[in-house]
Amino acid sequence: MSLRIIKPGISTTLQDAGRKGYQAAGVPISGAMDTNSLRLANILCGNDQGSVVLETTLHGAEWLVEEEQLIAFSGGGTTLHINNQPAPLNHAIRVKASSLLSLKPSPDGCRTYLAVAGGFKAKTDLKSSSTYKTASFGGYEGRALKTGDLLEWNNERTVMSDKIKESLVLNGRDFTLAGWHIDFNIPGKGKTIRIFKGPEWDWFDDHTSEKLFTNSFAVSNQSDRMGYRLSGGPLMLSTKREMISTAVCSGTIQVTHEGNLVILMADAQTTGGYPRMAMVAAVDLPACAQLRPGDRVHFSEISIDKAEDLYLEREQLLRQIQLALKLKFIP
C-alpha cells in the first residue's frame, strides 16, 4: 500500500487541515496552503475532509503508485498525466498498480493536492500530521519529500471510499475516471483578493492607503509557505513609528520598513514586529495559495461582516457537495 517518489517536485510535503491550538506556544498552524483543494481532493476519495494529502508546488513531480488505488487531484499549477495519458483534476480516478503520475506545466495556479483513499500515513506531532519543516514536525520525517521515499496509505477506508472505488471498473485500462466530478471555482491567477483593515491601518495616511487598492502588486520569487513578498511601489508610514512584536496569523498583511507588503501564509510565525495594515478575508486565502511568482494581484476592501458571510457560504457549499456525494453512493 504505497506510493514511491520518483521525482519529488518543488517542496512536496504531506499536509492535513493544520496544527490548531498551539499558536500561544509559538507553533504555526501549517496545514494545506489551499484548504479548498485539500478538502475537495479528500471528498472525491470519500475521505474525511482533513485527511493527509500530498501538496506540491508547480510541476515536475513524478510518483509511482505501486498498488491499485483510488486517487484524486485538486488545485492548480500543473496538469496531470497517468502513464503519459492526460487526466483531469477534480475527478475520482481508479488507477492500476505500477502507474506513473506525472505533473506537467500549466499556465495557471501554483499548488496541487493528491489524495488517496484512506489518506496517507504520516508522523503526528501536536495532534496534526502537517509538515512544518522548521521544527521537523509531522509529515514524512518532518521534511520535504526526496527521490526514493516510500509513502504508505492507511488500510482502513471509509464506506464511501470503497463505494466510489467499486463504481470504477478498470477493465484492463490504466485508469478509470468517474463519470461525475466536482466543479468548484478556486480563484487564482489574476483574481482580486478581498481584504479588511488591520489593527495598524490608521498608521498610514489616506494617500498611502489608497495605493493599496489602486496599485497592482507582483508576487516576488522570495515567497514560500511562510509568506508572500509583494512589490508594487512602497507604502511608507506617514510618521516613522516602532512597535513591539505582536500577534499575527495567516492572512495578515504586514508592511516592512522598506514599505513592501508581506502576506503571511500557512507556516506564518505567530508574532511579528511590522505594522499589520490589513487582513485577507479567510475565504480568499486559497486564492492566495494559488498565486505564483510573477503573478500580479489587486486588493479590494470588504467588511468583516461580509467576509464572515462569504466564509460561511463556502462552508455550506462544501457540506452540500459532501452530502450530495454521500446520497449518490449511500442512499
C-alpha atoms as a PDB file:
ATOM      1  CA  MET A   1       0.000   0.000   0.000  1.00  0.00           C
ATOM      2  CA  SER A   2       2.433   2.628  -1.143  1.00  0.00           C
ATOM      3  CA  LEU A   3       3.433   5.488  -3.419  1.00  0.00           C
ATOM      4  CA  ARG A   4       7.096   5.841  -4.379  1.00  0.00           C
ATOM      5  CA  ILE A   5       8.680   9.231  -5.062  1.00  0.00           C
ATOM      6  CA  ILE A   6      10.485   9.149  -8.420  1.00  0.00           C
ATOM      7  CA  LYS A   7      10.899  12.928  -8.710  1.00  0.00           C
ATOM      8  CA  PRO A   8       9.789  14.874  -5.647  1.00  0.00           C
ATOM      9  CA  GLY A   9       8.928  18.155  -7.360  1.00  0.00           C
ATOM     10  CA  ILE A  10       9.247  21.513  -5.640  1.00  0.00           C
ATOM     11  CA  SER A  11       8.671  21.477  -1.898  1.00  0.00           C
ATOM     12  CA  THR A  12       6.386  18.442  -1.878  1.00  0.00           C
ATOM     13  CA  THR A  13       5.120  17.682   1.619  1.00  0.00           C
ATOM     14  CA  LEU A  14       2.395  15.808   3.459  1.00  0.00           C
ATOM     15  CA  GLN A  15      -0.254  18.142   4.851  1.00  0.00           C
ATOM     16  CA  ASP A  16      -3.594  17.943   6.637  1.00  0.00           C
ATOM     17  CA  ALA A  17      -6.023  20.573   7.943  1.00  0.00           C
ATOM     18  CA  GLY A  18      -3.395  22.097  10.247  1.00  0.00           C
ATOM     19  CA  ARG A  19      -1.973  22.140  13.753  1.00  0.00           C
ATOM     20  CA  LYS A  20      -4.530  24.289  15.531  1.00  0.00           C
ATOM     21  CA  GLY A  21      -4.412  25.369  19.171  1.00  0.00           C
ATOM     22  CA  TYR A  22      -0.673  25.836  19.684  1.00  0.00           C
ATOM     23  CA  GLN A  23      -0.066  29.370  18.427  1.00  0.00           C
ATOM     24  CA  ALA A  24       0.219  30.662  22.003  1.00  0.00           C
ATOM     25  CA  ALA A  25       3.259  28.389  22.308  1.00  0.00           C
ATOM     26  CA  GLY A  26       4.761  29.821  19.117  1.00  0.00           C
ATOM     27  CA  VAL A  27       3.804  26.896  16.855  1.00  0.00           C
ATOM     28  CA  PRO A  28       2.344  27.818  13.425  1.00  0.00           C
ATOM     29  CA  ILE A  29      -0.846  26.195  12.206  1.00  0.00           C
ATOM     30  CA  SER A  30       0.764  24.947   8.961  1.00  0.00           C
ATOM     31  CA  GLY A  31      -1.514  22.559   7.035  1.00  0.00           C
ATOM     32  CA  ALA A  32      -2.501  22.827   3.384  1.00  0.00           C
ATOM     33  CA  MET A  33      -1.964  26.236   1.801  1.00  0.00           C
ATOM     34  CA  ASP A  34      -5.099  25.823  -0.322  1.00  0.00           C
ATOM     35  CA  THR A  35      -7.628  24.359   2.098  1.00  0.00           C
ATOM     36  CA  ASN A  36     -10.351  24.218  -0.575  1.00  0.00           C
ATOM     37  CA  SER A  37      -8.270  21.858  -2.715  1.00  0.00           C
ATOM     38  CA  LEU A  38      -7.278  19.732   0.290  1.00  0.00           C
ATOM     39  CA  ARG A  39     -10.915  19.218   1.152  1.00  0.00           C
ATOM     40  CA  LEU A  40     -12.130  18.647  -2.415  1.00  0.00           C
ATOM     41  CA  ALA A  41      -9.491  16.007  -3.134  1.00  0.00           C
ATOM     42  CA  ASN A  42     -10.449  14.193   0.062  1.00  0.00           C
ATOM     43  CA  ILE A  43     -14.172  14.400  -0.660  1.00  0.00           C
ATOM     44  CA  LEU A  44     -13.552  12.877  -4.098  1.00  0.00           C
ATOM     45  CA  CYS A  45     -11.819   9.922  -2.426  1.00  0.00           C
ATOM     46  CA  GLY A  46     -14.524   9.516   0.209  1.00  0.00           C
ATOM     47  CA  ASN A  47     -12.146  10.564   2.992  1.00  0.00           C
ATOM     48  CA  ASP A  48     -12.657  12.864   5.944  1.00  0.00           C
ATOM     49  CA  GLN A  49     -12.032  16.381   4.620  1.00  0.00           C
ATOM     50  CA  GLY A  50      -8.900  16.892   6.725  1.00  0.00           C
ATOM     51  CA  SER A  51      -7.144  13.610   5.836  1.00  0.00           C
ATOM     52  CA  VAL A  52      -3.439  13.721   4.962  1.00  0.00           C
ATOM     53  CA  VAL A  53      -2.650  14.568   1.324  1.00  0.00           C
ATOM     54  CA  LEU A  54       0.392  15.398  -0.783  1.00  0.00           C
ATOM     55  CA  GLU A  55       0.903  19.090  -1.507  1.00  0.00           C
ATOM     56  CA  THR A  56       3.257  20.002  -4.342  1.00  0.00           C
ATOM     57  CA  THR A  57       4.293  23.331  -5.863  1.00  0.00           C
ATOM     58  CA  LEU A  58       4.112  23.895  -9.628  1.00  0.00           C
ATOM     59  CA  HIS A  59       5.144  20.950 -11.845  1.00  0.00           C
ATOM     60  CA  GLY A  60       7.989  18.463 -12.225  1.00  0.00           C
ATOM     61  CA  ALA A  61       6.952  15.743  -9.783  1.00  0.00           C
ATOM     62  CA  GLU A  62       6.697  12.057 -10.709  1.00  0.00           C
ATOM     63  CA  TRP A  63       5.230   9.488  -8.337  1.00  0.00           C
ATOM     64  CA  LEU A  64       4.718   5.748  -8.807  1.00  0.00           C
ATOM     65  CA  VAL A  65       1.505   4.224  -7.452  1.00  0.00           C
ATOM     66  CA  GLU A  66       2.804   0.761  -6.596  1.00  0.00           C
ATOM     67  CA  GLU A  67      -0.601  -0.796  -5.865  1.00  0.00           C
ATOM     68  CA  GLU A  68      -4.040  -0.187  -7.328  1.00  0.00           C
ATOM     69  CA  GLN A  69      -5.683   2.785  -5.647  1.00  0.00           C
ATOM     70  CA  LEU A  70      -8.449   5.385  -5.745  1.00  0.00           C
ATOM     71  CA  ILE A  71      -6.933   8.852  -6.117  1.00  0.00           C
ATOM     72  CA  ALA A  72      -7.963  12.449  -6.782  1.00  0.00           C
ATOM     73  CA  PHE A  73      -6.082  15.636  -7.721  1.00  0.00           C
ATOM     74  CA  SER A  74      -7.277  19.165  -6.987  1.00  0.00           C
ATOM     75  CA  GLY A  75      -5.697  22.603  -7.095  1.00  0.00           C
ATOM     76  CA  GLY A  76      -3.675  24.234  -9.850  1.00  0.00           C
ATOM     77  CA  GLY A  77      -0.187  24.796 -11.183  1.00  0.00           C
ATOM     78  CA  THR A  78       0.004  21.528 -13.097  1.00  0.00           C
ATOM     79  CA  THR A  79      -1.688  19.174 -15.494  1.00  0.00           C
ATOM     80  CA  LEU A  80      -1.877  15.505 -14.545  1.00  0.00           C
ATOM     81  CA  HIS A  81      -0.692  12.618 -16.687  1.00  0.00           C
ATOM     82  CA  ILE A  82      -1.133   8.948 -15.765  1.00  0.00           C
ATOM     83  CA  ASN A  83       1.247   6.702 -17.693  1.00  0.00           C
ATOM     84  CA  ASN A  84       1.705   9.608 -20.155  1.00  0.00           C
ATOM     85  CA  GLN A  85      -2.038   9.958 -20.698  1.00  0.00           C
ATOM     86  CA  PRO A  86      -3.712  13.239 -19.651  1.00  0.00           C
ATOM     87  CA  ALA A  87      -6.192  13.068 -16.781  1.00  0.00           C
ATOM     88  CA  PRO A  88      -8.373  15.853 -15.351  1.00  0.00           C
ATOM     89  CA  LEU A  89      -8.373  17.459 -11.934  1.00  0.00           C
ATOM     90  CA  ASN A  90     -11.357  17.216  -9.570  1.00  0.00           C
ATOM     91  CA  HIS A  91     -12.294  13.655 -10.616  1.00  0.00           C
ATOM     92  CA  ALA A  92     -12.226  10.414  -8.672  1.00  0.00           C
ATOM     93  CA  ILE A  93      -9.772   8.135 -10.507  1.00  0.00           C
ATOM     94  CA  ARG A  94      -9.072   4.428 -10.057  1.00  0.00           C
ATOM     95  CA  VAL A  95      -5.522   3.640 -11.188  1.00  0.00           C
ATOM     96  CA  LYS A  96      -3.930   0.258 -11.763  1.00  0.00           C
ATOM     97  CA  ALA A  97      -0.799  -0.900  -9.955  1.00  0.00           C
ATOM     98  CA  SER A  98       2.567   0.448 -11.163  1.00  0.00           C
ATOM     99  CA  SER A  99       1.022   3.628 -12.601  1.00  0.00           C
ATOM    100  CA  LEU A 100       3.267   6.662 -13.053  1.00  0.00           C
ATOM    101  CA  LEU A 101       1.736  10.017 -12.056  1.00  0.00           C
ATOM    102  CA  SER A 102       3.487  12.921 -13.812  1.00  0.00           C
ATOM    103  CA  LEU A 103       2.792  16.592 -13.142  1.00  0.00           C
ATOM    104  CA  LYS A 104       3.301  18.705 -16.264  1.00  0.00           C
ATOM    105  CA  PRO A 105       3.343  22.527 -16.648  1.00  0.00           C
ATOM    106  CA  SER A 106       0.133  24.537 -16.512  1.00  0.00           C
ATOM    107  CA  PRO A 107      -0.290  28.285 -17.171  1.00  0.00           C
ATOM    108  CA  ASP A 108      -2.344  28.880 -14.036  1.00  0.00           C
ATOM    109  CA  GLY A 109      -2.165  28.186 -10.325  1.00  0.00           C
ATOM    110  CA  CYS A 110       0.656  27.099  -8.073  1.00  0.00           C
ATOM    111  CA  ARG A 111      -0.260  24.185  -5.790  1.00  0.00           C
ATOM    112  CA  THR A 112      -1.755  20.766  -6.442  1.00  0.00           C
ATOM    113  CA  TYR A 113      -3.046  18.179  -3.975  1.00  0.00           C
ATOM    114  CA  LEU A 114      -3.095  14.385  -4.290  1.00  0.00           C
ATOM    115  CA  ALA A 115      -5.496  12.456  -2.077  1.00  0.00           C
ATOM    116  CA  VAL A 116      -5.698   8.656  -1.868  1.00  0.00           C
ATOM    117  CA  ALA A 117      -8.463   6.533  -0.385  1.00  0.00           C
ATOM    118  CA  GLY A 118      -7.809   6.243   3.348  1.00  0.00           C
ATOM    119  CA  GLY A 119      -5.309   9.110   3.380  1.00  0.00           C
ATOM    120  CA  PHE A 120      -1.534   8.890   3.709  1.00  0.00           C
ATOM    121  CA  LYS A 121       0.181   7.648   6.837  1.00  0.00           C
ATOM    122  CA  ALA A 122       2.286  10.384   8.423  1.00  0.00           C
ATOM    123  CA  LYS A 123       4.124  11.327  11.588  1.00  0.00           C
ATOM    124  CA  THR A 124       1.899  13.114  14.077  1.00  0.00           C
ATOM    125  CA  ASP A 125       3.148  15.971  16.271  1.00  0.00           C
ATOM    126  CA  LEU A 126       0.856  18.072  18.457  1.00  0.00           C
ATOM    127  CA  LYS A 127      -2.273  16.364  17.117  1.00  0.00           C
ATOM    128  CA  SER A 128      -1.505  17.077  13.455  1.00  0.00           C
ATOM    129  CA  SER A 129       0.369  15.326  10.655  1.00  0.00           C
ATOM    130  CA  SER A 130       1.097  18.551   8.757  1.00  0.00           C
ATOM    131  CA  THR A 131       4.728  19.016   7.784  1.00  0.00           C
ATOM    132  CA  TYR A 132       6.409  22.009   9.425  1.00  0.00           C
ATOM    133  CA  LYS A 133       9.994  21.781   8.190  1.00  0.00           C
ATOM    134  CA  THR A 134      11.478  24.371  10.553  1.00  0.00           C
ATOM    135  CA  ALA A 135      10.716  22.183  13.589  1.00  0.00           C
ATOM    136  CA  SER A 136      10.749  18.829  11.729  1.00  0.00           C
ATOM    137  CA  PHE A 137       7.107  18.310  12.741  1.00  0.00           C
ATOM    138  CA  GLY A 138       4.726  15.882  11.087  1.00  0.00           C
ATOM    139  CA  GLY A 139       4.623  14.504   7.584  1.00  0.00           C
ATOM    140  CA  TYR A 140       7.445  12.299   6.346  1.00  0.00           C
ATOM    141  CA  GLU A 141      10.266  12.685   8.879  1.00  0.00           C
ATOM    142  CA  GLY A 142       9.269  16.344   9.217  1.00  0.00           C
ATOM    143  CA  ARG A 143      10.740  17.299   5.837  1.00  0.00           C
ATOM    144  CA  ALA A 144      10.026  17.752   2.143  1.00  0.00           C
ATOM    145  CA  LEU A 145       9.994  14.554   0.139  1.00  0.00           C
ATOM    146  CA  LYS A 146      13.049  13.209  -1.694  1.00  0.00           C
ATOM    147  CA  THR A 147      13.618  10.767  -4.526  1.00  0.00           C
ATOM    148  CA  GLY A 148      13.201   7.206  -3.274  1.00  0.00           C
ATOM    149  CA  ASP A 149      10.879   7.992  -0.367  1.00  0.00           C
ATOM    150  CA  LEU A 150       8.098   5.447   0.038  1.00  0.00           C
ATOM    151  CA  LEU A 151       4.766   6.718   1.347  1.00  0.00           C
ATOM    152  CA  GLU A 152       2.167   4.367   2.751  1.00  0.00           C
ATOM    153  CA  TRP A 153      -1.547   4.950   2.905  1.00  0.00           C
ATOM    154  CA  ASN A 154      -3.973   3.790   5.553  1.00  0.00           C
ATOM    155  CA  ASN A 155      -5.556   0.375   5.060  1.00  0.00           C
ATOM    156  CA  GLU A 156      -8.740   1.430   6.838  1.00  0.00           C
ATOM    157  CA  ARG A 157     -11.012   3.240   4.407  1.00  0.00           C
ATOM    158  CA  THR A 158     -14.468   4.720   4.759  1.00  0.00           C
ATOM    159  CA  VAL A 159     -17.516   3.027   3.292  1.00  0.00           C
ATOM    160  CA  MET A 160     -17.679   5.951   0.860  1.00  0.00           C
ATOM    161  CA  SER A 161     -14.145   5.267  -0.379  1.00  0.00           C
ATOM    162  CA  ASP A 162     -14.971   1.630  -1.048  1.00  0.00           C
ATOM    163  CA  LYS A 163     -18.237   2.503  -2.803  1.00  0.00           C
ATOM    164  CA  ILE A 164     -16.560   5.055  -5.083  1.00  0.00           C
ATOM    165  CA  LYS A 165     -13.732   2.669  -5.951  1.00  0.00           C
ATOM    166  CA  GLU A 166     -16.147  -0.206  -6.652  1.00  0.00           C
ATOM    167  CA  SER A 167     -18.079   2.025  -9.060  1.00  0.00           C
ATOM    168  CA  LEU A 168     -14.979   2.467 -11.236  1.00  0.00           C
ATOM    169  CA  VAL A 169     -14.050  -0.662 -13.179  1.00  0.00           C
ATOM    170  CA  LEU A 170     -10.634  -0.775 -14.844  1.00  0.00           C
ATOM    171  CA  ASN A 171     -11.379  -3.472 -17.477  1.00  0.00           C
ATOM    172  CA  GLY A 172      -7.708  -3.604 -18.454  1.00  0.00           C
ATOM    173  CA  ARG A 173      -7.276   0.169 -18.680  1.00  0.00           C
ATOM    174  CA  ASP A 174      -4.517   2.103 -16.939  1.00  0.00           C
ATOM    175  CA  PHE A 175      -7.112   4.195 -15.121  1.00  0.00           C
ATOM    176  CA  THR A 176     -10.838   4.857 -14.996  1.00  0.00           C
ATOM    177  CA  LEU A 177     -12.426   8.255 -14.388  1.00  0.00           C
ATOM    178  CA  ALA A 178     -15.687   8.755 -12.547  1.00  0.00           C
ATOM    179  CA  GLY A 179     -18.468   9.951 -14.837  1.00  0.00           C
ATOM    180  CA  TRP A 180     -19.071  12.792 -12.407  1.00  0.00           C
ATOM    181  CA  HIS A 181     -16.763  15.459 -10.978  1.00  0.00           C
ATOM    182  CA  ILE A 182     -16.787  18.425  -8.624  1.00  0.00           C
ATOM    183  CA  ASP A 183     -16.924  21.823 -10.295  1.00  0.00           C
ATOM    184  CA  PHE A 184     -15.700  24.267  -7.668  1.00  0.00           C
ATOM    185  CA  ASN A 185     -14.350  27.689  -8.529  1.00  0.00           C
ATOM    186  CA  ILE A 186     -10.997  28.151  -6.803  1.00  0.00           C
ATOM    187  CA  PRO A 187      -9.803  31.683  -7.584  1.00  0.00           C
ATOM    188  CA  GLY A 188      -6.203  32.015  -8.638  1.00  0.00           C
ATOM    189  CA  LYS A 189      -4.116  33.956 -11.095  1.00  0.00           C
ATOM    190  CA  GLY A 190      -5.395  37.412 -11.922  1.00  0.00           C
ATOM    191  CA  LYS A 191      -8.078  37.466  -9.238  1.00  0.00           C
ATOM    192  CA  THR A 192      -8.712  40.310  -6.844  1.00  0.00           C
ATOM    193  CA  ILE A 193      -8.061  39.459  -3.189  1.00  0.00           C
ATOM    194  CA  ARG A 194     -10.546  40.847  -0.673  1.00  0.00           C
ATOM    195  CA  ILE A 195      -9.150  42.419   2.481  1.00  0.00           C
ATOM    196  CA  PHE A 196     -10.302  44.366   5.515  1.00  0.00           C
ATOM    197  CA  LYS A 197      -8.452  46.937   7.588  1.00  0.00           C
ATOM    198  CA  GLY A 198      -5.829  45.713  10.034  1.00  0.00           C
ATOM    199  CA  PRO A 199      -5.013  46.953  13.559  1.00  0.00           C
ATOM    200  CA  GLU A 200      -2.395  49.466  12.334  1.00  0.00           C
ATOM    201  CA  TRP A 201      -4.388  50.761   9.362  1.00  0.00           C
ATOM    202  CA  ASP A 202      -4.545  54.253  10.848  1.00  0.00           C
ATOM    203  CA  TRP A 203      -0.744  54.450  10.914  1.00  0.00           C
ATOM    204  CA  PHE A 204      -0.868  55.125   7.161  1.00  0.00           C
ATOM    205  CA  ASP A 205      -2.188  58.360   5.645  1.00  0.00           C
ATOM    206  CA  ASP A 206      -5.087  58.391   3.177  1.00  0.00           C
ATOM    207  CA  HIS A 207      -2.818  58.758   0.138  1.00  0.00           C
ATOM    208  CA  THR A 208      -0.791  55.687   1.097  1.00  0.00           C
ATOM    209  CA  SER A 209      -3.873  53.659   1.997  1.00  0.00           C
ATOM    210  CA  GLU A 210      -5.431  54.448  -1.372  1.00  0.00           C
ATOM    211  CA  LYS A 211      -2.411  52.928  -3.118  1.00  0.00           C
ATOM    212  CA  LEU A 212      -3.267  49.566  -1.601  1.00  0.00           C
ATOM    213  CA  PHE A 213      -6.457  49.498  -3.672  1.00  0.00           C
ATOM    214  CA  THR A 214      -5.275  51.276  -6.833  1.00  0.00           C
ATOM    215  CA  ASN A 215      -1.841  49.695  -7.363  1.00  0.00           C
ATOM    216  CA  SER A 216      -1.226  46.155  -8.533  1.00  0.00           C
ATOM    217  CA  PHE A 217       1.400  44.109  -6.718  1.00  0.00           C
ATOM    218  CA  ALA A 218       3.703  41.417  -8.095  1.00  0.00           C
ATOM    219  CA  VAL A 219       4.433  38.236  -6.184  1.00  0.00           C
ATOM    220  CA  SER A 220       8.185  38.027  -5.561  1.00  0.00           C
ATOM    221  CA  ASN A 221      10.229  34.857  -6.013  1.00  0.00           C
ATOM    222  CA  GLN A 222      11.112  35.352  -2.334  1.00  0.00           C
ATOM    223  CA  SER A 223       7.814  33.738  -1.394  1.00  0.00           C
ATOM    224  CA  ASP A 224       7.100  30.429   0.321  1.00  0.00           C
ATOM    225  CA  ARG A 225       4.721  28.709   2.708  1.00  0.00           C
ATOM    226  CA  MET A 226       5.612  31.227   5.407  1.00  0.00           C
ATOM    227  CA  GLY A 227       4.652  34.291   3.408  1.00  0.00           C
ATOM    228  CA  TYR A 228       4.482  36.109   0.065  1.00  0.00           C
ATOM    229  CA  ARG A 229       6.576  39.208  -0.534  1.00  0.00           C
ATOM    230  CA  LEU A 230       4.891  41.667  -2.897  1.00  0.00           C
ATOM    231  CA  SER A 231       6.337  44.559  -4.887  1.00  0.00           C
ATOM    232  CA  GLY A 232       4.356  47.409  -6.402  1.00  0.00           C
ATOM    233  CA  GLY A 233       5.537  50.721  -5.038  1.00  0.00           C
ATOM    234  CA  PRO A 234       6.426  51.279  -1.370  1.00  0.00           C
ATOM    235  CA  LEU A 235       3.707  52.022   1.177  1.00  0.00           C
ATOM    236  CA  MET A 236       5.515  54.117   3.741  1.00  0.00           C
ATOM    237  CA  LEU A 237       4.310  55.198   7.164  1.00  0.00           C
ATOM    238  CA  SER A 238       3.285  58.859   7.353  1.00  0.00           C
ATOM    239  CA  THR A 239       5.331  59.128  10.567  1.00  0.00           C
ATOM    240  CA  LYS A 240       8.146  56.789  11.498  1.00  0.00           C
ATOM    241  CA  ARG A 241       6.955  54.540  14.312  1.00  0.00           C
ATOM    242  CA  GLU A 242       8.170  51.433  16.086  1.00  0.00           C
ATOM    243  CA  MET A 243       6.037  48.670  17.540  1.00  0.00           C
ATOM    244  CA  ILE A 244       6.709  45.759  19.821  1.00  0.00           C
ATOM    245  CA  SER A 245       6.231  42.259  18.478  1.00  0.00           C
ATOM    246  CA  THR A 246       2.551  41.347  18.473  1.00  0.00           C
ATOM    247  CA  ALA A 247       0.204  38.573  17.334  1.00  0.00           C
ATOM    248  CA  VAL A 248      -0.068  37.678  13.638  1.00  0.00           C
ATOM    249  CA  CYS A 249      -1.661  34.813  11.723  1.00  0.00           C
ATOM    250  CA  SER A 250      -2.159  33.547   8.194  1.00  0.00           C
ATOM    251  CA  GLY A 251      -3.787  36.272   6.123  1.00  0.00           C
ATOM    252  CA  THR A 252      -2.101  39.133   7.983  1.00  0.00           C
ATOM    253  CA  ILE A 253      -0.663  41.723   5.574  1.00  0.00           C
ATOM    254  CA  GLN A 254       2.407  43.348   7.086  1.00  0.00           C
ATOM    255  CA  VAL A 255       4.336  46.362   5.794  1.00  0.00           C
ATOM    256  CA  THR A 256       8.124  46.184   6.131  1.00  0.00           C
ATOM    257  CA  HIS A 257      10.391  49.122   6.989  1.00  0.00           C
ATOM    258  CA  GLU A 258      11.069  49.458   3.240  1.00  0.00           C
ATOM    259  CA  GLY A 259       7.341  49.775   2.538  1.00  0.00           C
ATOM    260  CA  ASN A 260       6.903  46.331   0.964  1.00  0.00           C
ATOM    261  CA  LEU A 261       3.910  44.107   1.620  1.00  0.00           C
ATOM    262  CA  VAL A 262       4.126  40.603   3.064  1.00  0.00           C
ATOM    263  CA  ILE A 263       1.086  38.292   3.131  1.00  0.00           C
ATOM    264  CA  LEU A 264       1.553  35.704   5.873  1.00  0.00           C
ATOM    265  CA  MET A 265       0.558  32.191   4.863  1.00  0.00           C
ATOM    266  CA  ALA A 266       0.155  28.714   6.398  1.00  0.00           C
ATOM    267  CA  ASP A 267       3.588  28.467   8.058  1.00  0.00           C
ATOM    268  CA  ALA A 268       3.461  32.066   9.331  1.00  0.00           C
ATOM    269  CA  GLN A 269       5.196  32.877  12.581  1.00  0.00           C
ATOM    270  CA  THR A 270       2.859  33.643  15.471  1.00  0.00           C
ATOM    271  CA  THR A 271       4.252  37.102  16.308  1.00  0.00           C
ATOM    272  CA  GLY A 272       5.717  39.921  14.246  1.00  0.00           C
ATOM    273  CA  GLY A 273       7.020  43.449  14.593  1.00  0.00           C
ATOM    274  CA  TYR A 274       5.789  45.055  11.356  1.00  0.00           C
ATOM    275  CA  PRO A 275       2.552  47.069  11.129  1.00  0.00           C
ATOM    276  CA  ARG A 276      -0.480  44.943  10.270  1.00  0.00           C
ATOM    277  CA  MET A 277      -2.030  47.124   7.600  1.00  0.00           C
ATOM    278  CA  ALA A 278      -4.738  44.705   6.501  1.00  0.00           C
ATOM    279  CA  MET A 279      -6.081  41.153   6.696  1.00  0.00           C
ATOM    280  CA  VAL A 280      -7.026  38.832   3.837  1.00  0.00           C
ATOM    281  CA  ALA A 281     -10.576  37.526   4.101  1.00  0.00           C
ATOM    282  CA  ALA A 282     -10.282  33.842   5.054  1.00  0.00           C
ATOM    283  CA  VAL A 283     -12.430  32.829   2.078  1.00  0.00           C
ATOM    284  CA  ASP A 284      -9.734  34.214  -0.257  1.00  0.00           C
ATOM    285  CA  LEU A 285      -6.692  32.552   1.345  1.00  0.00           C
ATOM    286  CA  PRO A 286      -6.965  29.585  -1.057  1.00  0.00           C
ATOM    287  CA  ALA A 287      -6.732  32.105  -3.929  1.00  0.00           C
ATOM    288  CA  CYS A 288      -3.532  33.477  -2.402  1.00  0.00           C
ATOM    289  CA  ALA A 289      -2.162  29.928  -2.179  1.00  0.00           C
ATOM    290  CA  GLN A 290      -2.553  29.562  -5.960  1.00  0.00           C
ATOM    291  CA  LEU A 291      -0.564  32.715  -6.789  1.00  0.00           C
ATOM    292  CA  ARG A 292       2.860  32.028  -8.264  1.00  0.00           C
ATOM    293  CA  PRO A 293       5.979  34.255  -8.500  1.00  0.00           C
ATOM    294  CA  GLY A 294       5.426  36.941 -11.129  1.00  0.00           C
ATOM    295  CA  ASP A 295       1.630  36.962 -10.804  1.00  0.00           C
ATOM    296  CA  ARG A 296       0.055  40.328 -10.143  1.00  0.00           C
ATOM    297  CA  VAL A 297      -2.598  40.779  -7.507  1.00  0.00           C
ATOM    298  CA  HIS A 298      -5.114  43.538  -6.773  1.00  0.00           C
ATOM    299  CA  PHE A 299      -6.854  44.197  -3.476  1.00  0.00           C
ATOM    300  CA  SER A 300     -10.414  45.301  -2.796  1.00  0.00           C
ATOM    301  CA  GLU A 301     -11.961  46.223   0.537  1.00  0.00           C
ATOM    302  CA  ILE A 302     -14.576  44.070   2.227  1.00  0.00           C
ATOM    303  CA  SER A 303     -16.283  44.445   5.583  1.00  0.00           C
ATOM    304  CA  ILE A 304     -15.612  41.903   8.316  1.00  0.00           C
ATOM    305  CA  ASP A 305     -19.313  41.003   8.367  1.00  0.00           C
ATOM    306  CA  LYS A 306     -19.346  40.347   4.611  1.00  0.00           C
ATOM    307  CA  ALA A 307     -16.118  38.327   4.871  1.00  0.00           C
ATOM    308  CA  GLU A 308     -17.735  36.151   7.539  1.00  0.00           C
ATOM    309  CA  ASP A 309     -20.846  35.669   5.396  1.00  0.00           C
ATOM    310  CA  LEU A 310     -18.762  34.551   2.407  1.00  0.00           C
ATOM    311  CA  TYR A 311     -16.780  32.147   4.580  1.00  0.00           C
ATOM    312  CA  LEU A 312     -19.978  30.576   5.914  1.00  0.00           C
ATOM    313  CA  GLU A 313     -21.353  30.299   2.368  1.00  0.00           C
ATOM    314  CA  ARG A 314     -18.244  28.399   1.299  1.00  0.00           C
ATOM    315  CA  GLU A 315     -18.549  26.041   4.271  1.00  0.00           C
ATOM    316  CA  GLN A 316     -22.194  25.415   3.410  1.00  0.00           C
ATOM    317  CA  LEU A 317     -21.267  24.660  -0.210  1.00  0.00           C
ATOM    318  CA  LEU A 318     -18.604  22.145   0.791  1.00  0.00           C
ATOM    319  CA  ARG A 319     -21.034  20.436   3.157  1.00  0.00           C
ATOM    320  CA  GLN A 320     -23.620  20.247   0.371  1.00  0.00           C
ATOM    321  CA  ILE A 321     -21.066  18.731  -2.015  1.00  0.00           C
ATOM    322  CA  GLN A 322     -20.095  16.069   0.516  1.00  0.00           C
ATOM    323  CA  LEU A 323     -23.743  15.295   1.328  1.00  0.00           C
ATOM    324  CA  ALA A 324     -24.680  15.031  -2.376  1.00  0.00           C
ATOM    325  CA  LEU A 325     -21.861  12.548  -2.942  1.00  0.00           C
ATOM    326  CA  LYS A 326     -22.912  10.527   0.100  1.00  0.00           C
ATOM    327  CA  LEU A 327     -26.501  10.352  -1.171  1.00  0.00           C
ATOM    328  CA  LYS A 328     -25.216   9.178  -4.544  1.00  0.00           C
ATOM    329  CA  PHE A 329     -23.380   6.187  -3.103  1.00  0.00           C
ATOM    330  CA  ILE A 330     -25.095   5.525   0.225  1.00  0.00           C
ATOM    331  CA  PRO A 331     -28.835   6.145  -0.266  1.00  0.00           C
END
